[in-house]
């Protein structure tokens, strides 16, 4: 499937690693992907080491846990 829409913009509605039920994000305000049987939340945060906070889709995107992302966005690293 093509990732670009008819206007040449990135198609945010298409994602191979979404939850498959129309829910792509874990929760509002989070970039982390929803956990599903195919995308379990079973990986550690690469920044703080907290266990079971990322899915394979999160790791693929280079994400860290929400707590570390919040600290980084506020400059508290």
C-alpha atoms as a PDB file:
ATOM      1  CA  UNK A   1       0.000   0.000   0.000  1.00  0.00           C
ATOM      2  CA  UNK A   2       1.203   3.511  -0.840  1.00  0.00           C
ATOM      3  CA  UNK A   3       1.994   5.733   2.151  1.00  0.00           C
ATOM      4  CA  UNK A   4       1.232   8.945   0.278  1.00  0.00           C
ATOM      5  CA  UNK A   5      -2.256  10.301  -0.310  1.00  0.00           C
ATOM      6  CA  UNK A   6      -3.522  11.738  -3.576  1.00  0.00           C
ATOM      7  CA  UNK A   7      -2.133  15.193  -2.698  1.00  0.00           C
ATOM      8  CA  UNK A   8       1.398  13.966  -2.069  1.00  0.00           C
ATOM      9  CA  UNK A   9       1.027  14.240   1.699  1.00  0.00           C
ATOM     10  CA  UNK A  10       1.942  11.476   4.119  1.00  0.00           C
ATOM     11  CA  UNK A  11      -1.112   9.326   4.750  1.00  0.00           C
ATOM     12  CA  UNK A  12      -1.392   9.251   8.552  1.00  0.00           C
ATOM     13  CA  UNK A  13      -4.414   6.977   8.349  1.00  0.00           C
ATOM     14  CA  UNK A  14      -2.390   4.051   7.084  1.00  0.00           C
ATOM     15  CA  UNK A  15      -0.089   2.233   9.458  1.00  0.00           C
ATOM     16  CA  UNK A  16       1.041  -1.400   9.243  1.00  0.00           C
ATOM     17  CA  UNK A  17       1.461  -1.495  13.011  1.00  0.00           C
ATOM     18  CA  UNK A  18      -1.759   0.068  14.217  1.00  0.00           C
ATOM     19  CA  UNK A  19      -4.026  -1.819  16.584  1.00  0.00           C
ATOM     20  CA  UNK A  20      -6.144  -3.053  13.691  1.00  0.00           C
ATOM     21  CA  UNK A  21      -9.332  -1.807  15.296  1.00  0.00           C
ATOM     22  CA  UNK A  22      -9.003   1.881  14.483  1.00  0.00           C
ATOM     23  CA  UNK A  23      -7.101   2.573  17.712  1.00  0.00           C
ATOM     24  CA  UNK A  24      -3.523   3.352  16.798  1.00  0.00           C
ATOM     25  CA  UNK A  25      -2.367   5.123  19.938  1.00  0.00           C
ATOM     26  CA  UNK A  26      -2.141   3.770  23.479  1.00  0.00           C
ATOM     27  CA  UNK A  27      -3.897   6.812  24.940  1.00  0.00           C
ATOM     28  CA  UNK A  28      -4.647  10.410  24.118  1.00  0.00           C
ATOM     29  CA  UNK A  29      -1.518  12.542  24.281  1.00  0.00           C
ATOM     30  CA  UNK A  30       0.825   9.594  23.810  1.00  0.00           C
ATOM     31  CA  UNK A  31       2.819   8.700  20.729  1.00  0.00           C
ATOM     32  CA  UNK A  32       3.076   5.104  21.919  1.00  0.00           C
ATOM     33  CA  UNK A  33       1.155   2.559  19.893  1.00  0.00           C
ATOM     34  CA  UNK A  34      -1.741   0.584  21.292  1.00  0.00           C
ATOM     35  CA  UNK A  35      -0.924  -2.865  22.605  1.00  0.00           C
ATOM     36  CA  UNK A  36      -2.601  -5.761  20.821  1.00  0.00           C
ATOM     37  CA  UNK A  37      -1.965  -9.506  20.697  1.00  0.00           C
ATOM     38  CA  UNK A  38       0.172  -8.879  17.604  1.00  0.00           C
ATOM     39  CA  UNK A  39       1.870  -5.810  19.137  1.00  0.00           C
ATOM     40  CA  UNK A  40       2.288  -6.559  22.867  1.00  0.00           C
ATOM     41  CA  UNK A  41       3.641  -4.054  25.381  1.00  0.00           C
ATOM     42  CA  UNK A  42       6.593  -6.230  26.381  1.00  0.00           C
ATOM     43  CA  UNK A  43       9.750  -4.193  25.755  1.00  0.00           C
ATOM     44  CA  UNK A  44      11.802  -1.945  28.055  1.00  0.00           C
ATOM     45  CA  UNK A  45      12.343   1.788  27.646  1.00  0.00           C
ATOM     46  CA  UNK A  46      15.776   2.390  26.095  1.00  0.00           C
ATOM     47  CA  UNK A  47      16.231   5.502  28.247  1.00  0.00           C
ATOM     48  CA  UNK A  48      15.218   4.512  31.788  1.00  0.00           C
ATOM     49  CA  UNK A  49      15.019   0.729  31.479  1.00  0.00           C
ATOM     50  CA  UNK A  50      11.433   0.471  32.761  1.00  0.00           C
ATOM     51  CA  UNK A  51      10.115  -2.944  31.758  1.00  0.00           C
ATOM     52  CA  UNK A  52       7.067  -3.690  29.604  1.00  0.00           C
ATOM     53  CA  UNK A  53       6.414  -0.095  28.518  1.00  0.00           C
ATOM     54  CA  UNK A  54       6.983  -0.285  24.745  1.00  0.00           C
ATOM     55  CA  UNK A  55       5.528  -2.363  21.941  1.00  0.00           C
ATOM     56  CA  UNK A  56       7.541  -3.627  18.956  1.00  0.00           C
ATOM     57  CA  UNK A  57       5.932  -0.814  16.931  1.00  0.00           C
ATOM     58  CA  UNK A  58       7.209   1.741  19.466  1.00  0.00           C
ATOM     59  CA  UNK A  59      10.731   0.320  19.296  1.00  0.00           C
ATOM     60  CA  UNK A  60      10.608   0.342  15.490  1.00  0.00           C
ATOM     61  CA  UNK A  61       9.896   4.074  15.655  1.00  0.00           C
ATOM     62  CA  UNK A  62      12.704   4.712  18.157  1.00  0.00           C
ATOM     63  CA  UNK A  63      10.364   5.752  20.973  1.00  0.00           C
ATOM     64  CA  UNK A  64      10.968   5.887  24.704  1.00  0.00           C
ATOM     65  CA  UNK A  65       8.345   5.591  27.460  1.00  0.00           C
ATOM     66  CA  UNK A  66       5.894   8.429  28.064  1.00  0.00           C
ATOM     67  CA  UNK A  67       7.589   9.424  31.342  1.00  0.00           C
ATOM     68  CA  UNK A  68      10.974   9.839  29.646  1.00  0.00           C
ATOM     69  CA  UNK A  69       9.405  11.615  26.668  1.00  0.00           C
ATOM     70  CA  UNK A  70       7.646  14.047  29.016  1.00  0.00           C
ATOM     71  CA  UNK A  71      10.909  14.767  30.860  1.00  0.00           C
ATOM     72  CA  UNK A  72      12.759  15.307  27.569  1.00  0.00           C
ATOM     73  CA  UNK A  73      10.064  17.661  26.252  1.00  0.00           C
ATOM     74  CA  UNK A  74      10.309  19.726  29.442  1.00  0.00           C
ATOM     75  CA  UNK A  75      14.104  19.754  29.388  1.00  0.00           C
ATOM     76  CA  UNK A  76      14.392  17.727  32.601  1.00  0.00           C
ATOM     77  CA  UNK A  77      16.761  15.095  31.200  1.00  0.00           C
END
